[in-house]
Amino acid sequence: MVFRIFFWLIGFGMAVSGGISMIAFLNIMTAGYSFAEYIKFIVDKPISYLLPIGVAILSCSIFYPEKKTDYV
């Protein structure tokens, strides 16, 4: 149970960091770039990959079944 909470917190932090970065990168569109150039720009940035990785870790920590132990 402790590991699931730990991974949930790690995934949440990564997803928030990646999401905020992607929103901050939207400012290049006000400089005259198109949406295709925005996508090309964020694909080149490693910090943009934190959002999908964080969502994947969150999903695994929530939906992955926990082992059942019998103490009898």
PDB file of N, CA and C in Angstrom:
ATOM      1  N   MET A   1       0.819  -1.194   0.000  1.00  0.00           N
ATOM      2  CA  MET A   1       0.000   0.000   0.000  1.00  0.00           C
ATOM      3  C   MET A   1       0.869   1.266   0.000  1.00  0.00           C
ATOM      4  N   VAL A   2       1.961   1.222   0.729  1.00  0.00           N
ATOM      5  CA  VAL A   2       2.841   2.389   0.813  1.00  0.00           C
ATOM      6  C   VAL A   2       3.489   2.660  -0.542  1.00  0.00           C
ATOM      7  N   PHE A   3       3.848   1.589  -1.257  1.00  0.00           N
ATOM      8  CA  PHE A   3       4.467   1.766  -2.567  1.00  0.00           C
ATOM      9  C   PHE A   3       3.484   2.360  -3.566  1.00  0.00           C
ATOM     10  N   ARG A   4       2.224   1.984  -3.472  1.00  0.00           N
ATOM     11  CA  ARG A   4       1.222   2.530  -4.378  1.00  0.00           C
ATOM     12  C   ARG A   4       1.048   4.025  -4.142  1.00  0.00           C
ATOM     13  N   ILE A   5       1.033   4.437  -2.898  1.00  0.00           N
ATOM     14  CA  ILE A   5       0.915   5.863  -2.579  1.00  0.00           C
ATOM     15  C   ILE A   5       2.159   6.614  -3.047  1.00  0.00           C
ATOM     16  N   PHE A   6       3.323   6.005  -2.844  1.00  0.00           N
ATOM     17  CA  PHE A   6       4.576   6.622  -3.287  1.00  0.00           C
ATOM     18  C   PHE A   6       4.573   6.823  -4.800  1.00  0.00           C
ATOM     19  N   PHE A   7       4.208   5.769  -5.551  1.00  0.00           N
ATOM     20  CA  PHE A   7       4.178   5.888  -7.004  1.00  0.00           C
ATOM     21  C   PHE A   7       3.081   6.837  -7.469  1.00  0.00           C
ATOM     22  N   TRP A   8       1.977   6.905  -6.744  1.00  0.00           N
ATOM     23  CA  TRP A   8       0.924   7.857  -7.089  1.00  0.00           C
ATOM     24  C   TRP A   8       1.445   9.288  -6.945  1.00  0.00           C
ATOM     25  N   LEU A   9       2.149   9.556  -5.868  1.00  0.00           N
ATOM     26  CA  LEU A   9       2.704  10.893  -5.658  1.00  0.00           C
ATOM     27  C   LEU A   9       3.769  11.234  -6.708  1.00  0.00           C
ATOM     28  N   ILE A  10       4.617  10.275  -7.041  1.00  0.00           N
ATOM     29  CA  ILE A  10       5.634  10.508  -8.067  1.00  0.00           C
ATOM     30  C   ILE A  10       4.964  10.784  -9.414  1.00  0.00           C
ATOM     31  N   GLY A  11       3.989   9.973  -9.783  1.00  0.00           N
ATOM     32  CA  GLY A  11       3.280  10.164 -11.039  1.00  0.00           C
ATOM     33  C   GLY A  11       2.533  11.472 -11.087  1.00  0.00           C
ATOM     34  N   PHE A  12       1.915  11.843  -9.979  1.00  0.00           N
ATOM     35  CA  PHE A  12       1.190  13.111  -9.921  1.00  0.00           C
ATOM     36  C   PHE A  12       2.140  14.286 -10.103  1.00  0.00           C
ATOM     37  N   GLY A  13       3.278  14.239  -9.433  1.00  0.00           N
ATOM     38  CA  GLY A  13       4.258  15.321  -9.564  1.00  0.00           C
ATOM     39  C   GLY A  13       4.805  15.439 -10.979  1.00  0.00           C
ATOM     40  N   MET A  14       5.069  14.302 -11.610  1.00  0.00           N
ATOM     41  CA  MET A  14       5.577  14.339 -12.985  1.00  0.00           C
ATOM     42  C   MET A  14       4.511  14.850 -13.950  1.00  0.00           C
ATOM     43  N   ALA A  15       3.265  14.418 -13.759  1.00  0.00           N
ATOM     44  CA  ALA A  15       2.188  14.868 -14.639  1.00  0.00           C
ATOM     45  C   ALA A  15       1.949  16.373 -14.493  1.00  0.00           C
ATOM     46  N   VAL A  16       1.999  16.867 -13.279  1.00  0.00           N
ATOM     47  CA  VAL A  16       1.815  18.308 -13.069  1.00  0.00           C
ATOM     48  C   VAL A  16       2.960  19.094 -13.684  1.00  0.00           C
ATOM     49  N   SER A  17       4.187  18.635 -13.492  1.00  0.00           N
ATOM     50  CA  SER A  17       5.345  19.335 -14.076  1.00  0.00           C
ATOM     51  C   SER A  17       5.270  19.360 -15.598  1.00  0.00           C
ATOM     52  N   GLY A  18       4.938  18.240 -16.194  1.00  0.00           N
ATOM     53  CA  GLY A  18       4.830  18.182 -17.648  1.00  0.00           C
ATOM     54  C   GLY A  18       3.679  19.009 -18.173  1.00  0.00           C
ATOM     55  N   GLY A  19       2.542  18.973 -17.483  1.00  0.00           N
ATOM     56  CA  GLY A  19       1.379  19.760 -17.919  1.00  0.00           C
ATOM     57  C   GLY A  19       1.620  21.252 -17.834  1.00  0.00           C
ATOM     58  N   ILE A  20       2.244  21.695 -16.768  1.00  0.00           N
ATOM     59  CA  ILE A  20       2.543  23.121 -16.621  1.00  0.00           C
ATOM     60  C   ILE A  20       3.542  23.563 -17.686  1.00  0.00           C
ATOM     61  N   SER A  21       4.518  22.716 -17.983  1.00  0.00           N
ATOM     62  CA  SER A  21       5.491  23.058 -19.017  1.00  0.00           C
ATOM     63  C   SER A  21       4.832  23.167 -20.384  1.00  0.00           C
ATOM     64  N   MET A  22       3.918  22.249 -20.677  1.00  0.00           N
ATOM     65  CA  MET A  22       3.245  22.303 -21.980  1.00  0.00           C
ATOM     66  C   MET A  22       2.353  23.538 -22.090  1.00  0.00           C
ATOM     67  N   ILE A  23       1.734  23.921 -20.996  1.00  0.00           N
ATOM     68  CA  ILE A  23       0.932  25.142 -21.008  1.00  0.00           C
ATOM     69  C   ILE A  23       1.830  26.368 -21.156  1.00  0.00           C
ATOM     70  N   ALA A  24       2.969  26.352 -20.485  1.00  0.00           N
ATOM     71  CA  ALA A  24       3.896  27.479 -20.603  1.00  0.00           C
ATOM     72  C   ALA A  24       4.460  27.590 -22.012  1.00  0.00           C
ATOM     73  N   PHE A  25       4.666  26.456 -22.668  1.00  0.00           N
ATOM     74  CA  PHE A  25       5.179  26.474 -24.038  1.00  0.00           C
ATOM     75  C   PHE A  25       4.147  26.997 -25.029  1.00  0.00           C
ATOM     76  N   LEU A  26       2.883  27.103 -24.619  1.00  0.00           N
ATOM     77  CA  LEU A  26       1.861  27.669 -25.508  1.00  0.00           C
ATOM     78  C   LEU A  26       2.154  29.130 -25.836  1.00  0.00           C
ATOM     79  N   ASN A  27       2.998  29.755 -25.057  1.00  0.00           N
ATOM     80  CA  ASN A  27       3.337  31.157 -25.314  1.00  0.00           C
ATOM     81  C   ASN A  27       4.057  31.354 -26.640  1.00  0.00           C
ATOM     82  N   ILE A  28       4.651  30.305 -27.201  1.00  0.00           N
ATOM     83  CA  ILE A  28       5.323  30.485 -28.493  1.00  0.00           C
ATOM     84  C   ILE A  28       4.303  30.689 -29.609  1.00  0.00           C
ATOM     85  N   MET A  29       3.057  30.274 -29.383  1.00  0.00           N
ATOM     86  CA  MET A  29       2.036  30.488 -30.403  1.00  0.00           C
ATOM     87  C   MET A  29       1.670  31.970 -30.510  1.00  0.00           C
ATOM     88  N   THR A  30       1.822  32.711 -29.434  1.00  0.00           N
ATOM     89  CA  THR A  30       1.551  34.155 -29.493  1.00  0.00           C
ATOM     90  C   THR A  30       2.653  34.894 -30.247  1.00  0.00           C
ATOM     91  N   ALA A  31       3.799  34.228 -30.425  1.00  0.00           N
ATOM     92  CA  ALA A  31       4.900  34.836 -31.170  1.00  0.00           C
ATOM     93  C   ALA A  31       4.764  34.600 -32.669  1.00  0.00           C
ATOM     94  N   GLY A  32       3.680  33.941 -33.086  1.00  0.00           N
ATOM     95  CA  GLY A  32       3.450  33.756 -34.509  1.00  0.00           C
ATOM     96  C   GLY A  32       3.676  32.348 -35.025  1.00  0.00           C
ATOM     97  N   TYR A  33       3.966  31.402 -34.144  1.00  0.00           N
ATOM     98  CA  TYR A  33       4.159  30.024 -34.576  1.00  0.00           C
ATOM     99  C   TYR A  33       2.810  29.348 -34.781  1.00  0.00           C
ATOM    100  N   SER A  34       2.765  28.359 -35.670  1.00  0.00           N
ATOM    101  CA  SER A  34       1.528  27.614 -35.901  1.00  0.00           C
ATOM    102  C   SER A  34       1.444  26.462 -34.897  1.00  0.00           C
ATOM    103  N   PHE A  35       0.283  25.776 -34.903  1.00  0.00           N
ATOM    104  CA  PHE A  35       0.097  24.652 -33.989  1.00  0.00           C
ATOM    105  C   PHE A  35       1.042  23.503 -34.340  1.00  0.00           C
ATOM    106  N   ALA A  36       1.292  23.282 -35.620  1.00  0.00           N
ATOM    107  CA  ALA A  36       2.226  22.225 -36.037  1.00  0.00           C
ATOM    108  C   ALA A  36       3.642  22.534 -35.545  1.00  0.00           C
ATOM    109  N   GLU A  37       4.037  23.794 -35.596  1.00  0.00           N
ATOM    110  CA  GLU A  37       5.358  24.172 -35.087  1.00  0.00           C
ATOM    111  C   GLU A  37       5.420  24.037 -33.565  1.00  0.00           C
ATOM    112  N   TYR A  38       4.302  24.291 -32.897  1.00  0.00           N
ATOM    113  CA  TYR A  38       4.233  24.094 -31.439  1.00  0.00           C
ATOM    114  C   TYR A  38       4.438  22.619 -31.099  1.00  0.00           C
ATOM    115  N   ILE A  39       3.770  21.729 -31.831  1.00  0.00           N
ATOM    116  CA  ILE A  39       3.919  20.295 -31.585  1.00  0.00           C
ATOM    117  C   ILE A  39       5.361  19.861 -31.838  1.00  0.00           C
ATOM    118  N   LYS A  40       5.948  20.359 -32.917  1.00  0.00           N
ATOM    119  CA  LYS A  40       7.344  20.032 -33.217  1.00  0.00           C
ATOM    120  C   LYS A  40       8.268  20.555 -32.115  1.00  0.00           C
ATOM    121  N   PHE A  41       7.961  21.721 -31.570  1.00  0.00           N
ATOM    122  CA  PHE A  41       8.769  22.314 -30.504  1.00  0.00           C
ATOM    123  C   PHE A  41       8.706  21.473 -29.232  1.00  0.00           C
ATOM    124  N   ILE A  42       7.499  21.042 -28.830  1.00  0.00           N
ATOM    125  CA  ILE A  42       7.402  20.300 -27.573  1.00  0.00           C
ATOM    126  C   ILE A  42       7.917  18.873 -27.696  1.00  0.00           C
ATOM    127  N   VAL A  43       7.921  18.326 -28.913  1.00  0.00           N
ATOM    128  CA  VAL A  43       8.486  16.982 -29.096  1.00  0.00           C
ATOM    129  C   VAL A  43       9.992  17.008 -28.879  1.00  0.00           C
ATOM    130  N   ASP A  44      10.625  18.132 -29.192  1.00  0.00           N
ATOM    131  CA  ASP A  44      12.071  18.258 -29.021  1.00  0.00           C
ATOM    132  C   ASP A  44      12.490  18.485 -27.569  1.00  0.00           C
ATOM    133  N   LYS A  45      11.560  18.851 -26.699  1.00  0.00           N
ATOM    134  CA  LYS A  45      11.889  19.145 -25.304  1.00  0.00           C
ATOM    135  C   LYS A  45      11.675  17.912 -24.429  1.00  0.00           C
ATOM    136  N   PRO A  46      12.690  17.484 -23.695  1.00  0.00           N
ATOM    137  CA  PRO A  46      12.532  16.297 -22.844  1.00  0.00           C
ATOM    138  C   PRO A  46      11.539  16.489 -21.698  1.00  0.00           C
ATOM    139  N   ILE A  47      11.357  17.710 -21.234  1.00  0.00           N
ATOM    140  CA  ILE A  47      10.439  17.939 -20.119  1.00  0.00           C
ATOM    141  C   ILE A  47       8.985  17.691 -20.525  1.00  0.00           C
ATOM    142  N   SER A  48       8.707  17.726 -21.817  1.00  0.00           N
ATOM    143  CA  SER A  48       7.347  17.485 -22.286  1.00  0.00           C
ATOM    144  C   SER A  48       6.929  16.033 -22.113  1.00  0.00           C
ATOM    145  N   TYR A  49       7.878  15.145 -22.001  1.00  0.00           N
ATOM    146  CA  TYR A  49       7.559  13.733 -21.834  1.00  0.00           C
ATOM    147  C   TYR A  49       7.159  13.396 -20.400  1.00  0.00           C
ATOM    148  N   LEU A  50       7.277  14.334 -19.486  1.00  0.00           N
ATOM    149  CA  LEU A  50       6.874  14.074 -18.112  1.00  0.00           C
ATOM    150  C   LEU A  50       5.370  13.870 -17.982  1.00  0.00           C
ATOM    151  N   LEU A  51       4.585  14.560 -18.788  1.00  0.00           N
ATOM    152  CA  LEU A  51       3.127  14.418 -18.702  1.00  0.00           C
ATOM    153  C   LEU A  51       2.679  12.997 -19.041  1.00  0.00           C
ATOM    154  N   PRO A  52       3.019  12.433 -20.191  1.00  0.00           N
ATOM    155  CA  PRO A  52       2.554  11.065 -20.456  1.00  0.00           C
ATOM    156  C   PRO A  52       3.159  10.014 -19.526  1.00  0.00           C
ATOM    157  N   ILE A  53       4.415  10.211 -19.125  1.00  0.00           N
ATOM    158  CA  ILE A  53       5.035   9.263 -18.191  1.00  0.00           C
ATOM    159  C   ILE A  53       4.337   9.338 -16.836  1.00  0.00           C
ATOM    160  N   GLY A  54       4.061  10.551 -16.373  1.00  0.00           N
ATOM    161  CA  GLY A  54       3.361  10.716 -15.099  1.00  0.00           C
ATOM    162  C   GLY A  54       1.962  10.135 -15.123  1.00  0.00           C
ATOM    163  N   VAL A  55       1.241  10.322 -16.226  1.00  0.00           N
ATOM    164  CA  VAL A  55      -0.103   9.751 -16.339  1.00  0.00           C
ATOM    165  C   VAL A  55      -0.029   8.231 -16.355  1.00  0.00           C
ATOM    166  N   ALA A  56       0.975   7.673 -17.011  1.00  0.00           N
ATOM    167  CA  ALA A  56       1.138   6.219 -17.033  1.00  0.00           C
ATOM    168  C   ALA A  56       1.426   5.672 -15.631  1.00  0.00           C
ATOM    169  N   ILE A  57       2.295   6.335 -14.880  1.00  0.00           N
ATOM    170  CA  ILE A  57       2.604   5.893 -13.520  1.00  0.00           C
ATOM    171  C   ILE A  57       1.373   6.028 -12.629  1.00  0.00           C
ATOM    172  N   LEU A  58       0.633   7.125 -12.775  1.00  0.00           N
ATOM    173  CA  LEU A  58      -0.613   7.293 -12.021  1.00  0.00           C
ATOM    174  C   LEU A  58      -1.591   6.173 -12.322  1.00  0.00           C
ATOM    175  N   SER A  59      -1.764   5.862 -13.588  1.00  0.00           N
ATOM    176  CA  SER A  59      -2.699   4.812 -13.985  1.00  0.00           C
ATOM    177  C   SER A  59      -2.284   3.451 -13.428  1.00  0.00           C
ATOM    178  N   CYS A  60      -1.000   3.165 -13.498  1.00  0.00           N
ATOM    179  CA  CYS A  60      -0.527   1.884 -12.956  1.00  0.00           C
ATOM    180  C   CYS A  60      -0.712   1.812 -11.447  1.00  0.00           C
ATOM    181  N   SER A  61      -0.465   2.904 -10.755  1.00  0.00           N
ATOM    182  CA  SER A  61      -0.591   2.870  -9.302  1.00  0.00           C
ATOM    183  C   SER A  61      -2.048   2.775  -8.863  1.00  0.00           C
ATOM    184  N   ILE A  62      -2.966   3.240  -9.682  1.00  0.00           N
ATOM    185  CA  ILE A  62      -4.384   3.178  -9.316  1.00  0.00           C
ATOM    186  C   ILE A  62      -5.012   1.859  -9.765  1.00  0.00           C
ATOM    187  N   PHE A  63      -4.763   1.446 -10.996  1.00  0.00           N
ATOM    188  CA  PHE A  63      -5.499   0.336 -11.580  1.00  0.00           C
ATOM    189  C   PHE A  63      -4.795  -1.014 -11.517  1.00  0.00           C
ATOM    190  N   TYR A  64      -3.498  -1.049 -11.214  1.00  0.00           N
ATOM    191  CA  TYR A  64      -2.798  -2.321 -11.143  1.00  0.00           C
ATOM    192  C   TYR A  64      -3.273  -3.078  -9.910  1.00  0.00           C
ATOM    193  N   PRO A  65      -3.684  -4.328 -10.062  1.00  0.00           N
ATOM    194  CA  PRO A  65      -4.233  -5.041  -8.901  1.00  0.00           C
ATOM    195  C   PRO A  65      -3.168  -5.334  -7.841  1.00  0.00           C
ATOM    196  N   GLU A  66      -3.574  -5.217  -6.609  1.00  0.00           N
ATOM    197  CA  GLU A  66      -2.681  -5.468  -5.494  1.00  0.00           C
ATOM    198  C   GLU A  66      -2.689  -6.951  -5.167  1.00  0.00           C
ATOM    199  N   LYS A  67      -1.558  -7.468  -4.732  1.00  0.00           N
ATOM    200  CA  LYS A  67      -1.489  -8.888  -4.372  1.00  0.00           C
ATOM    201  C   LYS A  67      -2.301  -9.133  -3.105  1.00  0.00           C
ATOM    202  N   LYS A  68      -3.036 -10.203  -3.132  1.00  0.00           N
ATOM    203  CA  LYS A  68      -3.785 -10.616  -1.952  1.00  0.00           C
ATOM    204  C   LYS A  68      -2.926 -11.581  -1.155  1.00  0.00           C
ATOM    205  N   THR A  69      -2.826 -11.345   0.130  1.00  0.00           N
ATOM    206  CA  THR A  69      -2.059 -12.244   0.988  1.00  0.00           C
ATOM    207  C   THR A  69      -3.007 -12.876   1.998  1.00  0.00           C
ATOM    208  N   ASP A  70      -2.789 -14.137   2.245  1.00  0.00           N
ATOM    209  CA  ASP A  70      -3.582 -14.847   3.237  1.00  0.00           C
ATOM    210  C   ASP A  70      -2.743 -14.985   4.499  1.00  0.00           C
ATOM    211  N   TYR A  71      -3.271 -14.498   5.575  1.00  0.00           N
ATOM    212  CA  TYR A  71      -2.545 -14.573   6.839  1.00  0.00           C
ATOM    213  C   TYR A  71      -3.084 -15.710   7.721  1.00  0.00           C
ATOM    214  N   VAL A  72      -3.817 -16.613   7.140  1.00  0.00           N
ATOM    215  CA  VAL A  72      -4.419 -17.700   7.920  1.00  0.00           C
ATOM    216  C   VAL A  72      -3.499 -18.883   7.974  1.00  0.00           C
TER     217      VAL A  72
END
